[in-house]
Amino acid sequence: MIEIICGEKGKGKTKELLARVNSTVTTATGNIVYLDKSQKHMYELSNKVRLINVMDYPLSNCDEFLGFICGIISQDNDLEEMYLDSFLTIASIEDEETLIHAIETLDIVSEKYKVRFVLSISKNKEDLPDSAKARVVVAI
């Protein structure tokens, strides 16, 4: 399952994402991973959540990022949820076609490995492709 938190930059998406991940920790039976573009939110996350700074790795396009995601999943059979902050930035997504490709691929991975993805996307809901609009749980 993929859920999207969307809205313009600076509207509070990260705050919403952090609140969700920290509340989920109390009921989760598996592991949780939080991917971000920096270590900035390390102290706002529960210590039970694994924070990965994607910028520490030499990823240059969306397909490499998706491979990176699959690598994380392959190393953790107990992975239950992944939170992806600043999704467009960390996944190197610059156009609608790449965004659709990324969401479709994550959907396949989610179904196969039973991992829930929560994405933070800096776009208004009406600016998202139709396939992404149905996955929006919070529009800020």
N, C-alpha and C. Protein backbone atom coordinates (compact mmCIF):
# COMPACT_ATOMS: atom_id res chain seq x y z
N MET A 1 0.83 -1.17 0.00
CA MET A 1 0.00 0.00 0.00
C MET A 1 0.89 1.25 0.00
N ILE A 2 0.46 2.22 -0.76
CA ILE A 2 1.17 3.49 -0.83
C ILE A 2 0.22 4.60 -0.39
N GLU A 3 0.69 5.43 0.52
CA GLU A 3 -0.06 6.60 0.96
C GLU A 3 0.77 7.83 0.65
N ILE A 4 0.09 8.91 0.29
CA ILE A 4 0.79 10.14 -0.08
C ILE A 4 0.31 11.29 0.80
N ILE A 5 1.28 12.03 1.32
CA ILE A 5 1.02 13.29 2.00
C ILE A 5 1.56 14.36 1.05
N CYS A 6 0.68 15.23 0.58
CA CYS A 6 1.12 16.21 -0.42
C CYS A 6 0.77 17.63 0.01
N GLY A 7 1.44 18.56 -0.64
CA GLY A 7 1.22 19.98 -0.38
C GLY A 7 2.46 20.75 -0.79
N GLU A 8 2.33 22.05 -0.87
CA GLU A 8 3.45 22.89 -1.27
C GLU A 8 4.57 22.83 -0.24
N LYS A 9 5.76 23.17 -0.69
CA LYS A 9 6.93 23.20 0.20
C LYS A 9 6.67 24.15 1.37
N GLY A 10 7.02 23.68 2.57
CA GLY A 10 6.88 24.52 3.75
C GLY A 10 5.51 24.51 4.41
N LYS A 11 4.62 23.63 3.99
CA LYS A 11 3.26 23.61 4.53
C LYS A 11 3.07 22.65 5.71
N GLY A 12 4.08 21.84 6.03
CA GLY A 12 3.95 20.96 7.19
C GLY A 12 3.87 19.47 6.89
N LYS A 13 4.28 19.07 5.71
CA LYS A 13 4.24 17.65 5.35
C LYS A 13 5.18 16.82 6.21
N THR A 14 6.37 17.32 6.45
CA THR A 14 7.34 16.57 7.26
C THR A 14 6.84 16.42 8.68
N LYS A 15 6.24 17.44 9.23
CA LYS A 15 5.69 17.37 10.58
C LYS A 15 4.61 16.28 10.65
N GLU A 16 3.76 16.22 9.64
CA GLU A 16 2.72 15.19 9.56
C GLU A 16 3.35 13.81 9.44
N LEU A 17 4.36 13.69 8.60
CA LEU A 17 5.04 12.41 8.39
C LEU A 17 5.70 11.94 9.69
N LEU A 18 6.38 12.83 10.39
CA LEU A 18 7.03 12.49 11.66
C LEU A 18 6.00 12.06 12.71
N ALA A 19 4.89 12.75 12.76
CA ALA A 19 3.83 12.39 13.71
C ALA A 19 3.29 10.99 13.40
N ARG A 20 3.11 10.70 12.13
CA ARG A 20 2.60 9.37 11.74
C ARG A 20 3.59 8.26 12.08
N VAL A 21 4.86 8.48 11.76
CA VAL A 21 5.85 7.43 12.01
C VAL A 21 6.00 7.20 13.52
N ASN A 22 6.02 8.25 14.30
CA ASN A 22 6.19 8.09 15.74
C ASN A 22 4.97 7.46 16.41
N SER A 23 3.78 7.68 15.87
CA SER A 23 2.60 7.03 16.45
C SER A 23 2.51 5.57 16.00
N THR A 24 3.00 5.27 14.82
CA THR A 24 2.97 3.91 14.30
C THR A 24 3.92 3.00 15.06
N VAL A 25 5.02 3.55 15.56
CA VAL A 25 6.03 2.77 16.27
C VAL A 25 5.42 2.00 17.44
N THR A 26 4.45 2.60 18.10
CA THR A 26 3.87 1.97 19.29
C THR A 26 3.07 0.71 18.96
N THR A 27 2.54 0.60 17.74
CA THR A 27 1.72 -0.55 17.38
C THR A 27 2.37 -1.46 16.33
N ALA A 28 3.45 -1.04 15.75
CA ALA A 28 4.09 -1.83 14.68
C ALA A 28 4.67 -3.12 15.24
N THR A 29 4.52 -4.18 14.46
CA THR A 29 5.09 -5.47 14.85
C THR A 29 6.41 -5.72 14.13
N GLY A 30 6.65 -4.97 13.05
CA GLY A 30 7.88 -5.11 12.29
C GLY A 30 8.73 -3.87 12.38
N ASN A 31 9.74 -3.80 11.52
CA ASN A 31 10.67 -2.67 11.51
C ASN A 31 10.15 -1.53 10.65
N ILE A 32 10.63 -0.32 10.97
CA ILE A 32 10.23 0.89 10.25
C ILE A 32 11.49 1.63 9.83
N VAL A 33 11.48 2.09 8.57
CA VAL A 33 12.61 2.85 8.02
C VAL A 33 12.09 4.21 7.55
N TYR A 34 12.89 5.25 7.82
CA TYR A 34 12.56 6.62 7.41
C TYR A 34 13.68 7.12 6.51
N LEU A 35 13.37 7.41 5.25
CA LEU A 35 14.37 7.91 4.31
C LEU A 35 14.19 9.41 4.16
N ASP A 36 15.31 10.13 4.20
CA ASP A 36 15.26 11.59 4.11
C ASP A 36 16.49 12.09 3.35
N LYS A 37 16.52 13.38 3.08
CA LYS A 37 17.64 13.97 2.35
C LYS A 37 18.72 14.52 3.29
N SER A 38 18.54 14.32 4.61
CA SER A 38 19.53 14.76 5.60
C SER A 38 19.28 14.02 6.92
N GLN A 39 20.14 14.30 7.91
CA GLN A 39 19.99 13.73 9.25
C GLN A 39 19.20 14.68 10.16
N LYS A 40 18.70 15.75 9.60
CA LYS A 40 18.09 16.85 10.34
C LYS A 40 17.02 16.40 11.36
N HIS A 41 16.24 15.39 11.02
CA HIS A 41 15.13 14.99 11.88
C HIS A 41 15.45 13.81 12.79
N MET A 42 16.73 13.51 12.93
CA MET A 42 17.15 12.35 13.72
C MET A 42 16.58 12.38 15.14
N TYR A 43 16.60 13.53 15.77
CA TYR A 43 16.17 13.62 17.16
C TYR A 43 14.66 13.74 17.34
N GLU A 44 13.95 13.90 16.22
CA GLU A 44 12.49 13.96 16.27
C GLU A 44 11.87 12.58 16.06
N LEU A 45 12.68 11.62 15.62
CA LEU A 45 12.20 10.27 15.37
C LEU A 45 12.41 9.38 16.58
N SER A 46 11.51 8.45 16.78
CA SER A 46 11.70 7.44 17.82
C SER A 46 12.99 6.68 17.53
N ASN A 47 13.67 6.24 18.58
CA ASN A 47 14.92 5.50 18.37
C ASN A 47 14.66 4.09 17.82
N LYS A 48 13.41 3.71 17.68
CA LYS A 48 13.07 2.42 17.09
C LYS A 48 12.97 2.50 15.57
N VAL A 49 13.06 3.70 15.04
CA VAL A 49 12.96 3.93 13.59
C VAL A 49 14.37 4.08 13.02
N ARG A 50 14.64 3.38 11.94
CA ARG A 50 15.94 3.51 11.28
C ARG A 50 15.90 4.66 10.29
N LEU A 51 16.74 5.67 10.52
CA LEU A 51 16.83 6.83 9.62
C LEU A 51 17.96 6.60 8.63
N ILE A 52 17.64 6.76 7.35
CA ILE A 52 18.65 6.64 6.30
C ILE A 52 18.70 7.96 5.54
N ASN A 53 19.89 8.56 5.50
CA ASN A 53 20.11 9.77 4.72
C ASN A 53 20.47 9.32 3.31
N VAL A 54 19.53 9.44 2.39
CA VAL A 54 19.72 8.97 1.02
C VAL A 54 20.86 9.69 0.32
N MET A 55 21.12 10.93 0.73
CA MET A 55 22.17 11.71 0.08
C MET A 55 23.57 11.18 0.39
N ASP A 56 23.69 10.27 1.34
CA ASP A 56 24.97 9.64 1.63
C ASP A 56 25.36 8.59 0.59
N TYR A 57 24.43 8.27 -0.30
CA TYR A 57 24.66 7.21 -1.30
C TYR A 57 24.69 7.81 -2.70
N PRO A 58 25.51 7.26 -3.59
CA PRO A 58 25.66 7.83 -4.94
C PRO A 58 24.54 7.41 -5.89
N LEU A 59 23.33 7.92 -5.65
CA LEU A 59 22.18 7.61 -6.49
C LEU A 59 21.94 8.79 -7.43
N SER A 60 21.85 8.51 -8.72
CA SER A 60 21.73 9.63 -9.66
C SER A 60 20.42 9.66 -10.44
N ASN A 61 19.58 8.62 -10.31
CA ASN A 61 18.30 8.65 -11.02
C ASN A 61 17.26 7.82 -10.27
N CYS A 62 16.04 7.86 -10.74
CA CYS A 62 14.93 7.20 -10.06
C CYS A 62 15.09 5.68 -10.02
N ASP A 63 15.55 5.09 -11.11
CA ASP A 63 15.71 3.63 -11.12
C ASP A 63 16.77 3.17 -10.11
N GLU A 64 17.83 3.93 -9.96
CA GLU A 64 18.83 3.59 -8.95
C GLU A 64 18.21 3.71 -7.55
N PHE A 65 17.39 4.72 -7.34
CA PHE A 65 16.71 4.88 -6.06
C PHE A 65 15.79 3.69 -5.78
N LEU A 66 15.04 3.27 -6.78
CA LEU A 66 14.14 2.12 -6.61
C LEU A 66 14.93 0.85 -6.30
N GLY A 67 16.09 0.69 -6.92
CA GLY A 67 16.97 -0.44 -6.61
C GLY A 67 17.46 -0.35 -5.17
N PHE A 68 17.76 0.86 -4.72
CA PHE A 68 18.18 1.10 -3.35
C PHE A 68 17.09 0.66 -2.36
N ILE A 69 15.85 1.01 -2.67
CA ILE A 69 14.71 0.61 -1.85
C ILE A 69 14.62 -0.92 -1.78
N CYS A 70 14.76 -1.56 -2.94
CA CYS A 70 14.70 -3.03 -2.98
C CYS A 70 15.83 -3.65 -2.17
N GLY A 71 17.00 -3.03 -2.18
CA GLY A 71 18.13 -3.51 -1.39
C GLY A 71 17.83 -3.43 0.10
N ILE A 72 17.20 -2.36 0.52
CA ILE A 72 16.83 -2.21 1.94
C ILE A 72 15.84 -3.31 2.32
N ILE A 73 14.85 -3.52 1.47
CA ILE A 73 13.83 -4.54 1.75
C ILE A 73 14.45 -5.94 1.78
N SER A 74 15.39 -6.20 0.87
CA SER A 74 15.99 -7.53 0.81
C SER A 74 16.81 -7.87 2.05
N GLN A 75 17.27 -6.86 2.76
CA GLN A 75 18.10 -7.08 3.94
C GLN A 75 17.29 -7.11 5.24
N ASP A 76 15.98 -6.93 5.15
CA ASP A 76 15.17 -6.87 6.37
C ASP A 76 13.83 -7.56 6.15
N ASN A 77 13.77 -8.84 6.50
CA ASN A 77 12.54 -9.60 6.32
C ASN A 77 11.40 -9.14 7.22
N ASP A 78 11.72 -8.36 8.26
CA ASP A 78 10.71 -7.86 9.18
C ASP A 78 10.29 -6.43 8.88
N LEU A 79 10.71 -5.90 7.74
CA LEU A 79 10.37 -4.53 7.39
C LEU A 79 8.87 -4.42 7.14
N GLU A 80 8.24 -3.49 7.84
CA GLU A 80 6.79 -3.32 7.76
C GLU A 80 6.41 -2.03 7.03
N GLU A 81 7.14 -0.95 7.32
CA GLU A 81 6.79 0.35 6.74
C GLU A 81 8.03 1.15 6.38
N MET A 82 7.88 1.94 5.32
CA MET A 82 8.93 2.87 4.91
C MET A 82 8.30 4.24 4.71
N TYR A 83 8.91 5.23 5.33
CA TYR A 83 8.47 6.61 5.20
C TYR A 83 9.50 7.34 4.35
N LEU A 84 9.05 7.99 3.28
CA LEU A 84 9.97 8.64 2.36
C LEU A 84 9.67 10.14 2.33
N ASP A 85 10.48 10.90 3.06
CA ASP A 85 10.31 12.35 3.12
C ASP A 85 11.01 12.98 1.91
N SER A 86 10.48 14.09 1.44
CA SER A 86 11.04 14.79 0.27
C SER A 86 11.19 13.81 -0.89
N PHE A 87 10.13 13.06 -1.16
CA PHE A 87 10.18 11.97 -2.13
C PHE A 87 10.71 12.39 -3.51
N LEU A 88 10.24 13.51 -4.03
CA LEU A 88 10.69 13.94 -5.37
C LEU A 88 12.19 14.18 -5.40
N THR A 89 12.74 14.70 -4.32
CA THR A 89 14.18 14.98 -4.24
C THR A 89 14.99 13.70 -4.07
N ILE A 90 14.63 12.88 -3.09
CA ILE A 90 15.45 11.70 -2.81
C ILE A 90 15.35 10.66 -3.92
N ALA A 91 14.25 10.67 -4.67
CA ALA A 91 14.08 9.70 -5.75
C ALA A 91 14.49 10.26 -7.11
N SER A 92 15.03 11.47 -7.14
CA SER A 92 15.46 12.12 -8.39
C SER A 92 14.34 12.17 -9.43
N ILE A 93 13.17 12.62 -8.99
CA ILE A 93 12.00 12.70 -9.88
C ILE A 93 11.83 14.15 -10.33
N GLU A 94 11.86 14.34 -11.65
CA GLU A 94 11.74 15.69 -12.19
C GLU A 94 10.54 15.88 -13.11
N ASP A 95 9.85 14.79 -13.47
CA ASP A 95 8.70 14.93 -14.36
C ASP A 95 7.60 13.95 -13.97
N GLU A 96 6.43 14.16 -14.52
CA GLU A 96 5.26 13.35 -14.18
C GLU A 96 5.43 11.89 -14.58
N GLU A 97 6.04 11.65 -15.72
CA GLU A 97 6.25 10.28 -16.20
C GLU A 97 7.10 9.47 -15.21
N THR A 98 8.15 10.08 -14.70
CA THR A 98 9.03 9.40 -13.74
C THR A 98 8.29 9.17 -12.43
N LEU A 99 7.46 10.12 -12.02
CA LEU A 99 6.68 9.97 -10.80
C LEU A 99 5.72 8.79 -10.93
N ILE A 100 5.03 8.70 -12.05
CA ILE A 100 4.11 7.57 -12.29
C ILE A 100 4.87 6.25 -12.26
N HIS A 101 6.02 6.20 -12.92
CA HIS A 101 6.86 4.99 -12.94
C HIS A 101 7.26 4.59 -11.52
N ALA A 102 7.69 5.56 -10.72
CA ALA A 102 8.13 5.28 -9.35
C ALA A 102 6.99 4.74 -8.50
N ILE A 103 5.83 5.36 -8.59
CA ILE A 103 4.69 4.91 -7.79
C ILE A 103 4.23 3.52 -8.23
N GLU A 104 4.19 3.27 -9.53
CA GLU A 104 3.81 1.94 -10.02
C GLU A 104 4.79 0.88 -9.54
N THR A 105 6.07 1.18 -9.57
CA THR A 105 7.09 0.22 -9.12
C THR A 105 6.98 -0.01 -7.62
N LEU A 106 6.82 1.07 -6.85
CA LEU A 106 6.66 0.92 -5.40
C LEU A 106 5.41 0.12 -5.06
N ASP A 107 4.37 0.27 -5.86
CA ASP A 107 3.14 -0.47 -5.64
C ASP A 107 3.38 -1.98 -5.81
N ILE A 108 4.13 -2.35 -6.84
CA ILE A 108 4.47 -3.76 -7.07
C ILE A 108 5.30 -4.30 -5.91
N VAL A 109 6.30 -3.54 -5.50
CA VAL A 109 7.17 -3.94 -4.39
C VAL A 109 6.36 -4.05 -3.09
N SER A 110 5.47 -3.11 -2.87
CA SER A 110 4.63 -3.10 -1.67
C SER A 110 3.77 -4.35 -1.59
N GLU A 111 3.14 -4.70 -2.70
CA GLU A 111 2.28 -5.88 -2.73
C GLU A 111 3.08 -7.16 -2.52
N LYS A 112 4.20 -7.26 -3.19
CA LYS A 112 5.01 -8.50 -3.14
C LYS A 112 5.63 -8.73 -1.76
N TYR A 113 6.13 -7.67 -1.14
CA TYR A 113 6.87 -7.82 0.12
C TYR A 113 6.10 -7.32 1.34
N LYS A 114 4.85 -6.90 1.13
CA LYS A 114 3.98 -6.46 2.23
C LYS A 114 4.60 -5.32 3.05
N VAL A 115 5.13 -4.34 2.33
CA VAL A 115 5.70 -3.15 2.96
C VAL A 115 4.81 -1.96 2.60
N ARG A 116 4.43 -1.19 3.61
CA ARG A 116 3.62 0.01 3.37
C ARG A 116 4.56 1.19 3.17
N PHE A 117 4.30 1.98 2.13
CA PHE A 117 5.09 3.17 1.85
C PHE A 117 4.25 4.41 2.11
N VAL A 118 4.83 5.38 2.81
CA VAL A 118 4.19 6.67 3.02
C VAL A 118 5.13 7.72 2.43
N LEU A 119 4.65 8.43 1.42
CA LEU A 119 5.47 9.38 0.68
C LEU A 119 5.06 10.81 0.98
N SER A 120 6.04 11.68 1.13
CA SER A 120 5.81 13.11 1.26
C SER A 120 6.19 13.74 -0.08
N ILE A 121 5.20 14.37 -0.74
CA ILE A 121 5.43 14.95 -2.06
C ILE A 121 5.10 16.43 -2.06
N SER A 122 6.06 17.24 -2.49
CA SER A 122 5.88 18.70 -2.53
C SER A 122 5.16 19.15 -3.80
N LYS A 123 3.90 18.79 -3.87
CA LYS A 123 3.01 19.22 -4.95
C LYS A 123 1.60 19.28 -4.39
N ASN A 124 0.78 20.16 -4.94
CA ASN A 124 -0.62 20.18 -4.57
C ASN A 124 -1.31 18.96 -5.17
N LYS A 125 -2.37 18.51 -4.51
CA LYS A 125 -3.07 17.31 -4.97
C LYS A 125 -3.52 17.43 -6.43
N GLU A 126 -4.01 18.59 -6.79
CA GLU A 126 -4.50 18.77 -8.17
C GLU A 126 -3.38 18.74 -9.21
N ASP A 127 -2.14 18.89 -8.79
CA ASP A 127 -1.00 18.85 -9.70
C ASP A 127 -0.41 17.44 -9.85
N LEU A 128 -0.93 16.49 -9.08
CA LEU A 128 -0.44 15.12 -9.15
C LEU A 128 -1.11 14.37 -10.30
N PRO A 129 -0.44 13.34 -10.84
CA PRO A 129 -1.09 12.50 -11.85
C PRO A 129 -2.29 11.79 -11.24
N ASP A 130 -3.26 11.42 -12.06
CA ASP A 130 -4.48 10.78 -11.56
C ASP A 130 -4.18 9.53 -10.74
N SER A 131 -3.19 8.75 -11.16
CA SER A 131 -2.86 7.51 -10.43
C SER A 131 -2.35 7.80 -9.02
N ALA A 132 -1.81 8.97 -8.80
CA ALA A 132 -1.31 9.34 -7.47
C ALA A 132 -2.40 9.98 -6.61
N LYS A 133 -3.33 10.68 -7.24
CA LYS A 133 -4.39 11.39 -6.48
C LYS A 133 -5.20 10.44 -5.60
N ALA A 134 -5.45 9.23 -6.08
CA ALA A 134 -6.23 8.26 -5.32
C ALA A 134 -5.50 7.78 -4.06
N ARG A 135 -4.20 7.99 -4.00
CA ARG A 135 -3.41 7.51 -2.87
C ARG A 135 -3.16 8.60 -1.81
N VAL A 136 -3.64 9.80 -2.07
CA VAL A 136 -3.44 10.92 -1.14
C VAL A 136 -4.29 10.71 0.12
N VAL A 137 -3.62 10.70 1.27
CA VAL A 137 -4.34 10.58 2.56
C VAL A 137 -4.38 11.93 3.29
N VAL A 138 -3.41 12.80 3.00
CA VAL A 138 -3.40 14.13 3.59
C VAL A 138 -2.94 15.11 2.51
N ALA A 139 -3.76 16.13 2.27
CA ALA A 139 -3.39 17.21 1.35
C ALA A 139 -3.33 18.48 2.18
N ILE A 140 -2.13 19.04 2.29
CA ILE A 140 -1.94 20.23 3.13
C ILE A 140 -1.86 21.47 2.26
